[in-house]
Every structure is written in structure tokens, then in C-alpha cells.
Amino acid sequence: MDIAEFESLMLTLLIPALILFMGFIVWDIARKHKAGKFGTFILFFTLGFGVLGFAIKKVIAMNLGLD
């Protein structure tokens, strides 16, 4: 396995794990600070924008043939 394959594998495995961990952190913060339903929705909505940005970047790179 060369370095490019290793990087690709780690990106594929570790980024989703990081996203799940960030989701847990946001849920824990919302619960501890009693954010309520609307506040929790806003927190997850903003986290979702970050995840969406990552996904869009991947799709654009694939369409341009960079990946």
C-alpha cells in the first residue's frame, strides 16, 4: 500500500467517524445547556452545512476529474 492509497482510505474512514463524533459533541452541548428543540435544530443545521460543504467539495472534485 502506497501513501496515496493510505491517505484515500483514511479520508474515507476517518472523516465520517469525525462527523459522527462532532454530532455527538453537538448533541451533548445542546443537552447540557438545555438548548431546547429549536436551539438543537440550529446547532445540527450549522453542523450539517459543514458536512454538506465537505460532500460538495468531493462531488466537484470527482466531476472535474481531480479525484
C-alpha atoms as a PDB file:
ATOM      1  CA  MET A   1       0.000   0.000   0.000  1.00  0.00           C
ATOM      2  CA  ASP A   2       1.492   3.311  -1.023  1.00  0.00           C
ATOM      3  CA  ILE A   3       0.913   6.673   0.638  1.00  0.00           C
ATOM      4  CA  ALA A   4      -1.837   7.789  -1.771  1.00  0.00           C
ATOM      5  CA  GLU A   5      -3.899   4.649  -1.129  1.00  0.00           C
ATOM      6  CA  PHE A   6      -3.405   5.045   2.623  1.00  0.00           C
ATOM      7  CA  GLU A   7      -4.494   8.695   2.519  1.00  0.00           C
ATOM      8  CA  SER A   8      -7.561   7.833   0.464  1.00  0.00           C
ATOM      9  CA  LEU A   9      -8.517   5.024   2.830  1.00  0.00           C
ATOM     10  CA  MET A  10      -8.076   7.200   5.925  1.00  0.00           C
ATOM     11  CA  LEU A  11     -10.085  10.010   4.341  1.00  0.00           C
ATOM     12  CA  THR A  12     -12.880   7.580   3.534  1.00  0.00           C
ATOM     13  CA  LEU A  13     -12.906   6.040   7.018  1.00  0.00           C
ATOM     14  CA  LEU A  14     -11.934   8.801   9.392  1.00  0.00           C
ATOM     15  CA  ILE A  15     -13.932  11.761   8.046  1.00  0.00           C
ATOM     16  CA  PRO A  16     -17.310  10.017   8.603  1.00  0.00           C
ATOM     17  CA  ALA A  17     -16.115   8.982  12.063  1.00  0.00           C
ATOM     18  CA  LEU A  18     -15.163  12.587  12.797  1.00  0.00           C
ATOM     19  CA  ILE A  19     -18.573  13.792  11.581  1.00  0.00           C
ATOM     20  CA  LEU A  20     -20.333  11.316  13.877  1.00  0.00           C
ATOM     21  CA  PHE A  21     -18.147  12.385  16.796  1.00  0.00           C
ATOM     22  CA  MET A  22     -18.931  16.063  16.123  1.00  0.00           C
ATOM     23  CA  GLY A  23     -22.633  15.163  16.048  1.00  0.00           C
ATOM     24  CA  PHE A  24     -22.273  13.571  19.473  1.00  0.00           C
ATOM     25  CA  ILE A  25     -20.464  16.656  20.780  1.00  0.00           C
ATOM     26  CA  VAL A  26     -23.181  18.978  19.465  1.00  0.00           C
ATOM     27  CA  TRP A  27     -25.907  16.796  20.980  1.00  0.00           C
ATOM     28  CA  ASP A  28     -24.083  16.745  24.320  1.00  0.00           C
ATOM     29  CA  ILE A  29     -23.632  20.529  24.313  1.00  0.00           C
ATOM     30  CA  ALA A  30     -27.293  21.068  23.448  1.00  0.00           C
ATOM     31  CA  ARG A  31     -28.382  18.719  26.230  1.00  0.00           C
ATOM     32  CA  LYS A  32     -26.072  20.179  28.884  1.00  0.00           C
ATOM     33  CA  HIS A  33     -27.046  23.766  28.094  1.00  0.00           C
ATOM     34  CA  LYS A  34     -30.754  22.985  27.704  1.00  0.00           C
ATOM     35  CA  ALA A  35     -30.876  24.436  24.199  1.00  0.00           C
ATOM     36  CA  GLY A  36     -34.405  23.182  23.540  1.00  0.00           C
ATOM     37  CA  LYS A  37     -35.723  21.798  20.295  1.00  0.00           C
ATOM     38  CA  PHE A  38     -35.147  24.927  18.220  1.00  0.00           C
ATOM     39  CA  GLY A  39     -31.636  25.527  19.567  1.00  0.00           C
ATOM     40  CA  THR A  40     -30.682  21.903  18.998  1.00  0.00           C
ATOM     41  CA  PHE A  41     -32.068  22.137  15.460  1.00  0.00           C
ATOM     42  CA  ILE A  42     -29.960  25.239  14.774  1.00  0.00           C
ATOM     43  CA  LEU A  43     -26.826  23.566  16.138  1.00  0.00           C
ATOM     44  CA  PHE A  44     -27.312  20.479  13.960  1.00  0.00           C
ATOM     45  CA  PHE A  45     -28.300  22.623  10.975  1.00  0.00           C
ATOM     46  CA  THR A  46     -24.994  24.503  11.125  1.00  0.00           C
ATOM     47  CA  LEU A  47     -23.062  21.254  11.572  1.00  0.00           C
ATOM     48  CA  GLY A  48     -24.955  19.920   8.559  1.00  0.00           C
ATOM     49  CA  PHE A  49     -23.747  22.857   6.449  1.00  0.00           C
ATOM     50  CA  GLY A  50     -20.152  21.870   7.206  1.00  0.00           C
ATOM     51  CA  VAL A  51     -20.833  18.265   6.245  1.00  0.00           C
ATOM     52  CA  LEU A  52     -22.635  19.395   3.103  1.00  0.00           C
ATOM     53  CA  GLY A  53     -19.662  21.570   2.147  1.00  0.00           C
ATOM     54  CA  PHE A  54     -17.335  18.595   2.501  1.00  0.00           C
ATOM     55  CA  ALA A  55     -19.631  16.418   0.375  1.00  0.00           C
ATOM     56  CA  ILE A  56     -19.993  19.089  -2.321  1.00  0.00           C
ATOM     57  CA  LYS A  57     -16.220  19.509  -2.465  1.00  0.00           C
ATOM     58  CA  LYS A  58     -15.853  15.762  -3.052  1.00  0.00           C
ATOM     59  CA  VAL A  59     -18.519  15.753  -5.801  1.00  0.00           C
ATOM     60  CA  ILE A  60     -16.955  18.738  -7.570  1.00  0.00           C
ATOM     61  CA  ALA A  61     -13.518  17.127  -7.444  1.00  0.00           C
ATOM     62  CA  MET A  62     -14.936  13.922  -8.925  1.00  0.00           C
ATOM     63  CA  ASN A  63     -16.712  15.842 -11.721  1.00  0.00           C
ATOM     64  CA  LEU A  64     -13.553  17.738 -12.615  1.00  0.00           C
ATOM     65  CA  GLY A  65     -11.544  14.532 -12.705  1.00  0.00           C
ATOM     66  CA  LEU A  66      -9.306  15.584  -9.834  1.00  0.00           C
ATOM     67  CA  ASP A  67     -10.125  12.566  -7.704  1.00  0.00           C
END
